[in-house]
Amino acid sequence: IEALMDNVTGVRAGALQVSLDELGYWPKPRILWLGPVTTPAPVALLARDLRRAARTAQISVDNRDYRAHLTIARNCLTPPPAAVMLPAVILTFSRFSLFESINSRHGVRYQALSSWELGP
């Protein structure tokens, strides 16, 4: 983790905007999420650079395309209706963070380990 945080310190990106305009469902993990129809290029580039930093720190990462999303519900047994129209919610980010996910009998809890400013 320390090597990862050292590598991430060199990652540079500007402030990011993401439009949450799609409701989605991943059946295998049973996750209901909101995300952009298309991941903005600056977000995809940041994800690429962060994966590179992880690999440099000898942390294995998957090679799937990054899918920006906000988890709405876990263990969602029923997928949403096929055609749900949503008004876009636009989020602006000025920093990104490294979180540790901690599983407990009460569910998953996320603890921030560190965060980094995004440039102008």
Protein backbone atom coordinates (compact mmCIF):
# COMPACT_ATOMS: atom_id res chain seq x y z
CA ILE A 1 0.00 0.00 0.00
CA GLU A 2 2.86 2.38 0.81
CA ALA A 3 4.46 1.79 -2.63
CA LEU A 4 1.08 2.39 -4.27
CA MET A 5 0.59 5.68 -2.43
CA ASP A 6 4.11 6.78 -3.44
CA ASN A 7 3.35 5.98 -7.11
CA VAL A 8 -0.05 7.70 -7.03
CA THR A 9 1.56 10.91 -5.77
CA GLY A 10 2.95 11.39 -9.30
CA VAL A 11 -0.42 10.99 -11.03
CA ARG A 12 -1.75 14.26 -12.45
CA ALA A 13 -5.26 15.08 -13.66
CA GLY A 14 -7.52 18.10 -13.78
CA ALA A 15 -10.82 18.49 -11.95
CA LEU A 16 -13.37 16.00 -13.28
CA GLN A 17 -17.06 16.12 -14.09
CA VAL A 18 -19.21 13.03 -14.35
CA SER A 19 -22.85 12.99 -15.42
CA LEU A 20 -24.82 10.22 -13.70
CA ASP A 21 -27.49 9.57 -16.31
CA GLU A 22 -27.82 5.78 -16.44
CA LEU A 23 -29.28 3.35 -13.94
CA GLY A 24 -27.59 -0.02 -14.18
CA TYR A 25 -27.51 -3.44 -12.57
CA TRP A 26 -24.76 -6.04 -12.34
CA PRO A 27 -26.49 -9.38 -11.71
CA LYS A 28 -23.59 -11.47 -10.41
CA PRO A 29 -22.65 -9.15 -7.53
CA ARG A 30 -26.30 -7.92 -7.41
CA ILE A 31 -25.32 -4.26 -7.46
CA LEU A 32 -27.64 -1.41 -8.46
CA TRP A 33 -25.66 1.61 -9.66
CA LEU A 34 -25.81 5.04 -11.26
CA GLY A 35 -23.21 6.06 -13.80
CA PRO A 36 -22.53 7.90 -17.01
CA VAL A 37 -23.73 6.35 -20.26
CA THR A 38 -20.15 6.91 -21.44
CA THR A 39 -17.21 7.29 -19.07
CA PRO A 40 -15.64 10.71 -19.78
CA ALA A 41 -12.17 10.49 -21.36
CA PRO A 42 -10.41 12.35 -18.48
CA VAL A 43 -11.89 9.86 -15.99
CA ALA A 44 -10.78 6.90 -18.12
CA LEU A 45 -7.27 8.39 -18.38
CA LEU A 46 -7.07 8.85 -14.60
CA ALA A 47 -8.19 5.23 -14.12
CA ARG A 48 -5.51 4.10 -16.60
CA ASP A 49 -2.80 6.05 -14.76
CA LEU A 50 -3.92 4.71 -11.39
CA ARG A 51 -3.83 1.13 -12.71
CA ARG A 52 -0.33 1.79 -14.00
CA ALA A 53 0.67 3.06 -10.53
CA ALA A 54 -0.77 -0.10 -8.97
CA ARG A 55 1.10 -2.37 -11.39
CA THR A 56 4.34 -0.48 -10.67
CA ALA A 57 3.71 -1.20 -6.98
CA GLN A 58 3.29 -4.89 -7.97
CA ILE A 59 -0.43 -4.93 -7.22
CA SER A 60 -2.46 -6.95 -9.70
CA VAL A 61 -5.38 -5.18 -11.32
CA ASP A 62 -7.94 -6.35 -13.85
CA ASN A 63 -7.81 -5.30 -17.49
CA ARG A 64 -11.50 -4.53 -17.96
CA ASP A 65 -12.47 -1.10 -19.20
CA TYR A 66 -13.07 1.20 -16.27
CA ARG A 67 -16.77 1.82 -15.61
CA ALA A 68 -17.41 4.95 -13.55
CA HIS A 69 -20.33 4.35 -11.20
CA LEU A 70 -21.91 5.13 -7.86
CA THR A 71 -23.19 2.07 -6.00
CA ILE A 72 -26.80 2.61 -4.92
CA ALA A 73 -27.52 -0.80 -3.38
CA ARG A 74 -25.71 -4.07 -2.73
CA ASN A 75 -27.47 -7.44 -2.66
CA CYS A 76 -30.24 -5.97 -4.80
CA LEU A 77 -32.31 -9.03 -5.72
CA THR A 78 -34.48 -7.37 -8.36
CA PRO A 79 -33.01 -5.53 -11.34
CA PRO A 80 -34.59 -2.18 -12.24
CA PRO A 81 -37.12 -1.95 -15.08
CA ALA A 82 -35.45 -1.94 -18.51
CA ALA A 83 -36.37 1.60 -19.51
CA VAL A 84 -35.91 4.05 -16.65
CA MET A 85 -35.49 7.69 -17.63
CA LEU A 86 -33.30 9.65 -15.25
CA PRO A 87 -32.52 13.34 -15.01
CA ALA A 88 -28.75 13.72 -15.18
CA VAL A 89 -26.95 14.42 -11.92
CA ILE A 90 -23.62 16.13 -12.59
CA LEU A 91 -20.85 15.61 -10.06
CA THR A 92 -17.60 17.59 -9.99
CA PHE A 93 -14.54 16.10 -8.32
CA SER A 94 -11.53 18.07 -7.10
CA ARG A 95 -9.74 15.13 -5.44
CA PHE A 96 -9.55 11.36 -5.52
CA SER A 97 -9.01 8.97 -2.63
CA LEU A 98 -7.74 5.51 -1.83
CA PHE A 99 -10.22 3.55 0.28
CA GLU A 100 -9.93 0.25 2.07
CA SER A 101 -13.10 -1.85 1.98
CA ILE A 102 -13.74 -3.62 5.25
CA ASN A 103 -16.22 -6.49 5.37
CA SER A 104 -18.10 -7.08 8.60
CA ARG A 105 -21.26 -8.82 9.66
CA HIS A 106 -22.99 -5.44 9.24
CA GLY A 107 -21.92 -5.07 5.62
CA VAL A 108 -19.09 -3.31 3.82
CA ARG A 109 -17.54 -0.18 5.29
CA TYR A 110 -15.07 2.04 3.46
CA GLN A 111 -12.19 3.77 5.23
CA ALA A 112 -10.22 6.53 3.50
CA LEU A 113 -6.47 5.88 3.62
CA SER A 114 -5.28 8.93 1.66
CA SER A 115 -6.45 11.46 -0.91
CA TRP A 116 -4.88 13.57 -3.65
CA GLU A 117 -5.90 16.90 -5.17
CA LEU A 118 -6.87 17.10 -8.82
CA GLY A 119 -5.44 20.13 -10.59
CA PRO A 120 -7.33 22.94 -12.29
